[in-house]
Amino acid sequence: MNLKLINLSELKISSQESLTFLAAIFGSATIMLGIAMLFVFPLSADLSEGFRTPIIAFEFAQTEEDLSFLSGSTESSRLNREKMDAGHVWDMVFPFAYAGFIALTAIQLASRGRRFIYAGAVLAVLIIPLDINENLTLLKITEALGNSVSIGTLLLELHTATWLKWGAIGISISVLALGFAASKEYLSAAISLLAALGIAAYWVFDSEPVLAELMSILLSLFILILSIKACLQSWSVVRQGAQ
């Protein structure tokens, strides 16, 4: 049996295909980091009604009672705080992966002649410092809770930091949806639009924890499906270059 080895250095690829390779790398990194973080953050806790995921409950907490699972000196609360802090160390890297994936996807679409989509790439890059700022605020809150200090002011800071991040995500993905639609990639456009609408829905009804959970699920599906798409496109390029 004659096996033909694929030498990537010999492949002649266009700038579009290079962007697809990069998007596949960043998308894959996002998925791997996301899976790793699932086992670092607390998987479950006694949360306020409607919340199912501790990290979402933390990000969108409105009162100190919403964070009862992180406050106090009980062993479970202490362990939850430690896991949250450990998860946010990983989360300092995570935005470089998922925001990079969104930015590269936007650049790929914009390079086809639809220059307005570059705005989506710029917004995607802004997600990185906004996400890090949110993480720093969350770390301040766990420290305050561990020291039994009031977090009223910090919750106000968190609300602003969280919505700056999610707002940038929502708008950048909305731009992607327009770009995909203009390129007649209607499935990708629909997936992007659903993720953006999920964020918009929670913005309008921000007292509904169920919508926060749905928003997170739709964003995860957006990244998963479009990352797989980029990986399949990259593999197609490699196979064609090997023939």
Protein backbone atom coordinates (compact mmCIF):
# COMPACT_ATOMS: atom_id res chain seq x y z
CA MET A 1 0.00 0.00 0.00
CA ASN A 2 1.46 3.34 -1.06
CA LEU A 3 0.85 6.09 1.46
CA LYS A 4 1.38 9.66 0.32
CA LEU A 5 2.54 11.96 3.08
CA ILE A 6 1.18 15.49 3.05
CA ASN A 7 3.90 18.13 3.28
CA LEU A 8 2.18 21.34 4.39
CA SER A 9 5.19 23.42 3.38
CA GLU A 10 4.62 22.40 -0.25
CA LEU A 11 0.98 23.43 -0.30
CA LYS A 12 0.20 26.56 -2.30
CA ILE A 13 -2.60 28.30 -0.47
CA SER A 14 -4.28 31.64 -0.98
CA SER A 15 -4.68 34.34 1.65
CA GLN A 16 -8.32 33.25 2.04
CA GLU A 17 -7.22 29.70 2.75
CA SER A 18 -4.59 30.96 5.19
CA LEU A 19 -7.30 32.81 7.09
CA THR A 20 -9.37 29.62 7.14
CA PHE A 21 -6.41 27.71 8.62
CA LEU A 22 -5.94 30.37 11.29
CA ALA A 23 -9.66 30.45 12.09
CA ALA A 24 -9.61 26.66 12.44
CA ILE A 25 -6.67 26.87 14.84
CA PHE A 26 -8.28 29.56 16.99
CA GLY A 27 -11.65 27.81 16.89
CA SER A 28 -10.09 24.51 17.95
CA ALA A 29 -8.21 26.28 20.74
CA THR A 30 -11.49 27.83 21.90
CA ILE A 31 -13.18 24.44 22.06
CA MET A 32 -10.28 22.79 23.90
CA LEU A 33 -9.97 25.63 26.42
CA GLY A 34 -13.73 25.65 26.92
CA ILE A 35 -13.75 21.93 27.69
CA ALA A 36 -10.81 22.31 30.07
CA MET A 37 -12.51 25.18 31.89
CA LEU A 38 -15.63 23.07 32.43
CA PHE A 39 -13.57 20.95 34.80
CA VAL A 40 -11.98 23.94 36.54
CA PHE A 41 -15.04 26.11 37.29
CA PRO A 42 -17.63 24.72 39.73
CA LEU A 43 -19.90 22.33 37.85
CA SER A 44 -22.88 22.78 40.16
CA ALA A 45 -24.01 24.75 43.20
CA ASP A 46 -27.10 25.92 45.05
CA LEU A 47 -28.00 28.73 42.65
CA SER A 48 -30.78 31.31 42.44
CA GLU A 49 -33.90 30.10 40.64
CA GLY A 50 -33.45 29.88 36.87
CA PHE A 51 -29.67 29.58 36.87
CA ARG A 52 -28.08 26.22 36.12
CA THR A 53 -24.44 27.16 35.57
CA PRO A 54 -22.40 28.68 38.43
CA ILE A 55 -20.25 30.89 36.19
CA ILE A 56 -23.32 32.36 34.44
CA ALA A 57 -24.98 32.91 37.82
CA PHE A 58 -21.82 34.72 38.94
CA GLU A 59 -21.49 36.92 35.85
CA PHE A 60 -25.11 38.04 35.98
CA ALA A 61 -25.58 38.28 39.74
CA GLN A 62 -27.66 41.29 40.75
CA THR A 63 -27.75 40.93 44.54
CA GLU A 64 -25.53 39.49 47.24
CA GLU A 65 -28.14 36.75 47.71
CA ASP A 66 -27.47 35.59 44.15
CA LEU A 67 -23.93 34.79 45.26
CA SER A 68 -24.80 32.91 48.44
CA PHE A 69 -23.07 29.85 46.98
CA LEU A 70 -19.79 31.79 47.07
CA SER A 71 -20.19 33.63 50.36
CA GLY A 72 -19.60 32.51 53.91
CA SER A 73 -17.05 30.30 55.57
CA THR A 74 -18.55 26.89 54.81
CA GLU A 75 -16.38 24.31 53.09
CA SER A 76 -18.57 24.29 49.96
CA SER A 77 -18.47 28.10 49.64
CA ARG A 78 -14.71 28.19 50.14
CA LEU A 79 -14.24 25.46 47.53
CA ASN A 80 -16.53 27.26 45.07
CA ARG A 81 -14.51 30.46 45.47
CA GLU A 82 -11.26 28.59 44.88
CA LYS A 83 -12.65 26.95 41.75
CA MET A 84 -13.99 30.26 40.46
CA ASP A 85 -10.62 31.93 40.95
CA ALA A 86 -8.82 29.03 39.25
CA GLY A 87 -11.27 29.20 36.35
CA HIS A 88 -10.72 32.90 35.90
CA VAL A 89 -6.98 32.37 35.63
CA TRP A 90 -7.73 30.18 32.60
CA ASP A 91 -10.26 32.76 31.46
CA MET A 92 -7.52 35.33 31.08
CA VAL A 93 -6.36 33.31 28.05
CA PHE A 94 -9.76 32.20 26.75
CA PRO A 95 -10.80 35.54 25.15
CA PHE A 96 -7.68 35.52 22.97
CA ALA A 97 -8.95 32.24 21.49
CA TYR A 98 -12.66 32.92 20.97
CA ALA A 99 -12.33 36.63 20.14
CA GLY A 100 -9.48 35.75 17.79
CA PHE A 101 -11.72 33.22 16.09
CA ILE A 102 -14.50 35.79 15.63
CA ALA A 103 -12.02 38.40 14.36
CA LEU A 104 -10.42 36.02 11.85
CA THR A 105 -13.81 34.90 10.58
CA ALA A 106 -14.78 38.55 10.10
CA ILE A 107 -11.52 39.34 8.29
CA GLN A 108 -12.05 36.33 6.05
CA LEU A 109 -15.49 37.59 5.06
CA ALA A 110 -14.30 41.20 4.69
CA SER A 111 -11.44 40.18 2.41
CA ARG A 112 -14.01 39.01 -0.12
CA GLY A 113 -14.86 42.65 -0.78
CA ARG A 114 -17.37 43.41 1.96
CA ARG A 115 -15.27 45.89 3.88
CA PHE A 116 -17.98 46.83 6.39
CA ILE A 117 -17.32 43.48 8.09
CA TYR A 118 -13.91 44.76 9.26
CA ALA A 119 -15.93 46.57 11.94
CA GLY A 120 -16.81 43.16 13.34
CA ALA A 121 -13.13 42.25 13.52
CA VAL A 122 -12.32 45.46 15.40
CA LEU A 123 -15.12 44.82 17.89
CA ALA A 124 -13.94 41.23 18.31
CA VAL A 125 -10.45 42.41 19.25
CA LEU A 126 -12.00 44.78 21.82
CA ILE A 127 -13.63 41.76 23.47
CA ILE A 128 -10.23 40.69 24.81
CA PRO A 129 -9.56 43.61 27.21
CA LEU A 130 -13.27 43.79 28.09
CA ASP A 131 -13.34 40.11 29.07
CA ILE A 132 -10.13 40.45 31.09
CA ASN A 133 -11.59 43.47 32.88
CA GLU A 134 -14.69 41.44 33.75
CA ASN A 135 -12.47 38.63 35.08
CA LEU A 136 -10.57 41.07 37.30
CA THR A 137 -13.88 42.34 38.71
CA LEU A 138 -15.04 38.78 39.40
CA LEU A 139 -11.77 38.07 41.21
CA LYS A 140 -12.31 41.16 43.37
CA ILE A 141 -15.76 39.89 44.29
CA THR A 142 -14.59 36.43 45.36
CA GLU A 143 -11.88 38.08 47.48
CA ALA A 144 -14.46 40.37 49.10
CA LEU A 145 -16.82 37.46 49.73
CA GLY A 146 -14.00 35.49 51.32
CA ASN A 147 -13.36 38.40 53.67
CA SER A 148 -17.09 38.98 54.36
CA VAL A 149 -16.91 42.47 52.83
CA SER A 150 -19.95 44.12 51.22
CA ILE A 151 -19.97 43.76 47.42
CA GLY A 152 -22.74 46.24 46.50
CA THR A 153 -20.39 48.57 44.62
CA LEU A 154 -18.56 45.69 42.99
CA LEU A 155 -21.83 44.25 41.68
CA LEU A 156 -22.50 47.56 39.92
CA GLU A 157 -19.01 47.41 38.40
CA LEU A 158 -19.63 43.81 37.37
CA HIS A 159 -22.89 44.68 35.62
CA THR A 160 -21.11 47.30 33.51
CA ALA A 161 -18.07 45.10 32.80
CA THR A 162 -20.20 42.09 31.89
CA TRP A 163 -22.44 43.96 29.48
CA LEU A 164 -19.55 45.75 27.80
CA LYS A 165 -18.09 42.32 27.03
CA TRP A 166 -21.33 40.67 25.98
CA GLY A 167 -22.36 43.74 24.00
CA ALA A 168 -19.14 43.59 21.98
CA ILE A 169 -19.69 39.88 21.41
CA GLY A 170 -23.27 40.40 20.29
CA ILE A 171 -22.51 43.25 17.89
CA SER A 172 -19.48 41.52 16.35
CA ILE A 173 -21.50 38.34 15.76
CA SER A 174 -24.34 40.41 14.27
CA VAL A 175 -21.86 41.81 11.76
CA LEU A 176 -20.77 38.25 10.96
CA ALA A 177 -24.40 37.29 10.36
CA LEU A 178 -24.69 40.10 7.80
CA GLY A 179 -21.44 39.03 6.18
CA PHE A 180 -22.49 35.40 5.90
CA ALA A 181 -25.85 36.43 4.46
CA ALA A 182 -24.14 38.66 1.89
CA SER A 183 -21.93 35.68 0.94
CA LYS A 184 -25.03 33.46 0.67
CA GLU A 185 -23.78 31.24 3.50
CA TYR A 186 -27.24 31.11 4.98
CA LEU A 187 -26.72 28.36 7.57
CA SER A 188 -23.74 30.21 9.08
CA ALA A 189 -25.76 33.43 8.93
CA ALA A 190 -28.65 31.79 10.80
CA ILE A 191 -26.36 30.35 13.48
CA SER A 192 -24.69 33.74 13.98
CA LEU A 193 -28.03 35.53 14.09
CA LEU A 194 -29.40 33.13 16.71
CA ALA A 195 -26.37 33.70 18.93
CA ALA A 196 -26.71 37.48 18.56
CA LEU A 197 -30.46 37.37 19.23
CA GLY A 198 -29.83 35.32 22.35
CA ILE A 199 -27.65 38.10 23.71
CA ALA A 200 -30.16 40.77 22.67
CA ALA A 201 -33.02 38.87 24.32
CA TYR A 202 -31.25 38.77 27.66
CA TRP A 203 -30.36 42.45 27.35
CA VAL A 204 -34.06 43.26 27.04
CA PHE A 205 -35.20 40.82 29.75
CA ASP A 206 -32.11 40.84 31.99
CA SER A 207 -34.04 39.61 35.02
CA GLU A 208 -34.65 36.22 33.39
CA PRO A 209 -31.85 33.80 34.31
CA VAL A 210 -33.16 31.19 31.86
CA LEU A 211 -32.36 33.59 29.00
CA ALA A 212 -28.82 34.03 30.32
CA GLU A 213 -28.32 30.26 30.20
CA LEU A 214 -29.85 30.11 26.69
CA MET A 215 -27.58 32.94 25.56
CA SER A 216 -24.52 31.01 26.73
CA ILE A 217 -25.68 27.82 24.98
CA LEU A 218 -26.33 29.62 21.68
CA LEU A 219 -22.89 31.25 21.78
CA SER A 220 -21.25 27.88 22.48
CA LEU A 221 -23.10 26.32 19.52
CA PHE A 222 -22.05 29.23 17.30
CA ILE A 223 -18.38 28.69 18.14
CA LEU A 224 -18.59 24.89 17.93
CA ILE A 225 -20.37 24.73 14.55
CA LEU A 226 -18.34 27.46 12.86
CA SER A 227 -15.07 26.04 14.24
CA ILE A 228 -15.93 22.61 12.82
CA LYS A 229 -16.78 24.30 9.51
CA ALA A 230 -13.36 26.04 9.45
CA CYS A 231 -11.60 22.76 10.28
CA LEU A 232 -13.42 20.92 7.48
CA GLN A 233 -12.57 23.70 5.01
CA SER A 234 -8.91 23.54 6.07
CA TRP A 235 -8.82 19.77 5.68
CA SER A 236 -10.35 20.14 2.21
CA VAL A 237 -7.53 22.53 1.25
CA VAL A 238 -4.91 20.07 2.53
CA ARG A 239 -6.43 17.16 0.60
CA GLN A 240 -6.67 19.14 -2.62
CA GLY A 241 -3.05 20.28 -2.27
CA ALA A 242 -1.93 16.69 -1.73
CA GLN A 243 -3.52 15.45 -4.95
